[in-house]
């Protein structure tokens, strides 16, 4: 667990969320991630209307769920999905990619390339 008043400075590092069961709520506030990696069988709730990932968005396992309606996730690097699921509903929000997508994405998800 991370304290509510913690300050996050991503720099050029990869942040890996690894949890085998249960769930975690990830609220980056105004801080951008560099590389963001999800692994393990847990559910990871992303909370925030605008989330910036300056590097790569990597899904190895687990379930990633937007916890906010009308979200925009900006991915400055590549989107890589080797396992797990990204759970969303049509018209919930947007993913904006600058880099490459190596896996087909949910057809109902609105994408900006």
Protein backbone atom coordinates (compact mmCIF):
# COMPACT_ATOMS: atom_id res chain seq x y z
CA UNK A 1 0.00 0.00 0.00
CA UNK A 2 1.11 3.55 -0.76
CA UNK A 3 0.29 6.43 1.59
CA UNK A 4 -2.47 8.83 0.46
CA UNK A 5 -0.10 11.80 0.65
CA UNK A 6 2.81 10.12 -1.19
CA UNK A 7 4.43 12.04 -4.05
CA UNK A 8 5.23 10.06 -7.19
CA UNK A 9 7.97 11.09 -9.64
CA UNK A 10 8.22 8.61 -12.51
CA UNK A 11 11.42 9.72 -14.20
CA UNK A 12 12.32 7.12 -16.82
CA UNK A 13 11.46 4.06 -14.76
CA UNK A 14 9.01 1.23 -15.29
CA UNK A 15 6.33 0.88 -12.63
CA UNK A 16 5.08 -2.70 -12.28
CA UNK A 17 1.87 -3.49 -10.45
CA UNK A 18 2.12 -7.16 -9.48
CA UNK A 19 -0.61 -8.72 -7.36
CA UNK A 20 -1.85 -12.29 -7.61
CA UNK A 21 -5.35 -11.87 -6.11
CA UNK A 22 -7.76 -9.19 -4.96
CA UNK A 23 -7.78 -5.67 -6.30
CA UNK A 24 -5.94 -2.35 -6.14
CA UNK A 25 -7.03 1.18 -6.98
CA UNK A 26 -4.37 3.20 -8.80
CA UNK A 27 -4.81 6.97 -8.61
CA UNK A 28 -1.88 8.83 -10.17
CA UNK A 29 -3.35 12.31 -9.51
CA UNK A 30 -1.36 14.79 -11.65
CA UNK A 31 1.76 12.63 -12.01
CA UNK A 32 2.57 10.88 -15.29
CA UNK A 33 3.88 7.34 -15.44
CA UNK A 34 6.80 6.43 -17.68
CA UNK A 35 6.37 2.70 -18.43
CA UNK A 36 3.33 1.12 -16.77
CA UNK A 37 3.21 -2.68 -16.38
CA UNK A 38 0.41 -4.92 -15.02
CA UNK A 39 1.05 -8.52 -13.98
CA UNK A 40 -0.65 -11.05 -11.71
CA UNK A 41 -4.23 -12.25 -11.46
CA UNK A 42 -5.61 -9.25 -9.56
CA UNK A 43 -7.94 -6.49 -10.77
CA UNK A 44 -6.32 -3.05 -11.11
CA UNK A 45 -8.71 -0.10 -11.09
CA UNK A 46 -7.36 3.04 -12.81
CA UNK A 47 -8.90 6.08 -11.17
CA UNK A 48 -8.57 9.46 -12.86
CA UNK A 49 -10.12 11.32 -15.78
CA UNK A 50 -6.78 11.93 -17.51
CA UNK A 51 -3.88 9.52 -17.08
CA UNK A 52 -0.62 10.08 -18.90
CA UNK A 53 1.80 7.25 -19.61
CA UNK A 54 4.87 8.81 -21.23
CA UNK A 55 6.35 5.43 -22.18
CA UNK A 56 4.83 2.00 -22.74
CA UNK A 57 1.55 0.49 -21.46
CA UNK A 58 2.28 -3.20 -20.81
CA UNK A 59 -0.33 -5.82 -19.87
CA UNK A 60 1.08 -9.23 -18.99
CA UNK A 61 -1.76 -10.52 -16.83
CA UNK A 62 -4.60 -9.35 -14.62
CA UNK A 63 -7.66 -7.25 -15.27
CA UNK A 64 -7.29 -3.47 -15.81
CA UNK A 65 -10.52 -1.53 -15.30
CA UNK A 66 -11.12 2.22 -15.74
CA UNK A 67 -12.69 3.42 -12.50
CA UNK A 68 -13.77 6.79 -13.91
CA UNK A 69 -16.24 7.63 -16.69
CA UNK A 70 -15.20 9.93 -19.54
CA UNK A 71 -11.51 9.14 -19.16
CA UNK A 72 -8.62 9.83 -21.52
CA UNK A 73 -5.48 7.71 -21.28
CA UNK A 74 -2.51 9.03 -23.24
CA UNK A 75 0.14 6.43 -24.11
CA UNK A 76 3.33 8.05 -25.48
CA UNK A 77 5.06 4.74 -26.13
CA UNK A 78 3.82 1.34 -27.27
CA UNK A 79 0.80 -0.69 -26.15
CA UNK A 80 1.76 -4.29 -25.44
CA UNK A 81 -0.71 -6.95 -24.30
CA UNK A 82 0.49 -10.53 -23.86
CA UNK A 83 -2.25 -11.54 -21.39
CA UNK A 84 -4.96 -10.25 -19.11
CA UNK A 85 -7.94 -8.10 -20.02
CA UNK A 86 -8.72 -4.42 -20.31
CA UNK A 87 -12.35 -4.15 -19.20
CA UNK A 88 -14.42 -1.25 -20.41
CA UNK A 89 -17.79 -0.44 -21.93
CA UNK A 90 -18.54 1.41 -25.15
CA UNK A 91 -18.41 5.22 -24.86
CA UNK A 92 -16.65 5.17 -21.47
CA UNK A 93 -13.56 7.03 -22.62
CA UNK A 94 -10.59 7.22 -24.96
CA UNK A 95 -7.13 5.73 -25.37
CA UNK A 96 -4.69 7.94 -27.29
CA UNK A 97 -1.66 6.08 -28.70
CA UNK A 98 1.52 7.60 -30.08
CA UNK A 99 3.48 4.33 -30.39
CA UNK A 100 2.64 0.88 -31.73
CA UNK A 101 -0.09 -1.52 -30.68
CA UNK A 102 1.07 -5.13 -30.80
CA UNK A 103 -2.28 -6.69 -29.96
CA UNK A 104 -5.78 -6.12 -31.33
CA UNK A 105 -7.80 -3.93 -29.00
CA UNK A 106 -11.44 -4.18 -27.98
CA UNK A 107 -13.51 -3.13 -30.98
CA UNK A 108 -15.97 -1.18 -28.87
CA UNK A 109 -13.21 0.93 -27.35
CA UNK A 110 -12.81 4.39 -28.90
CA UNK A 111 -9.23 4.88 -30.03
CA UNK A 112 -7.26 7.87 -31.26
CA UNK A 113 -4.15 7.09 -33.30
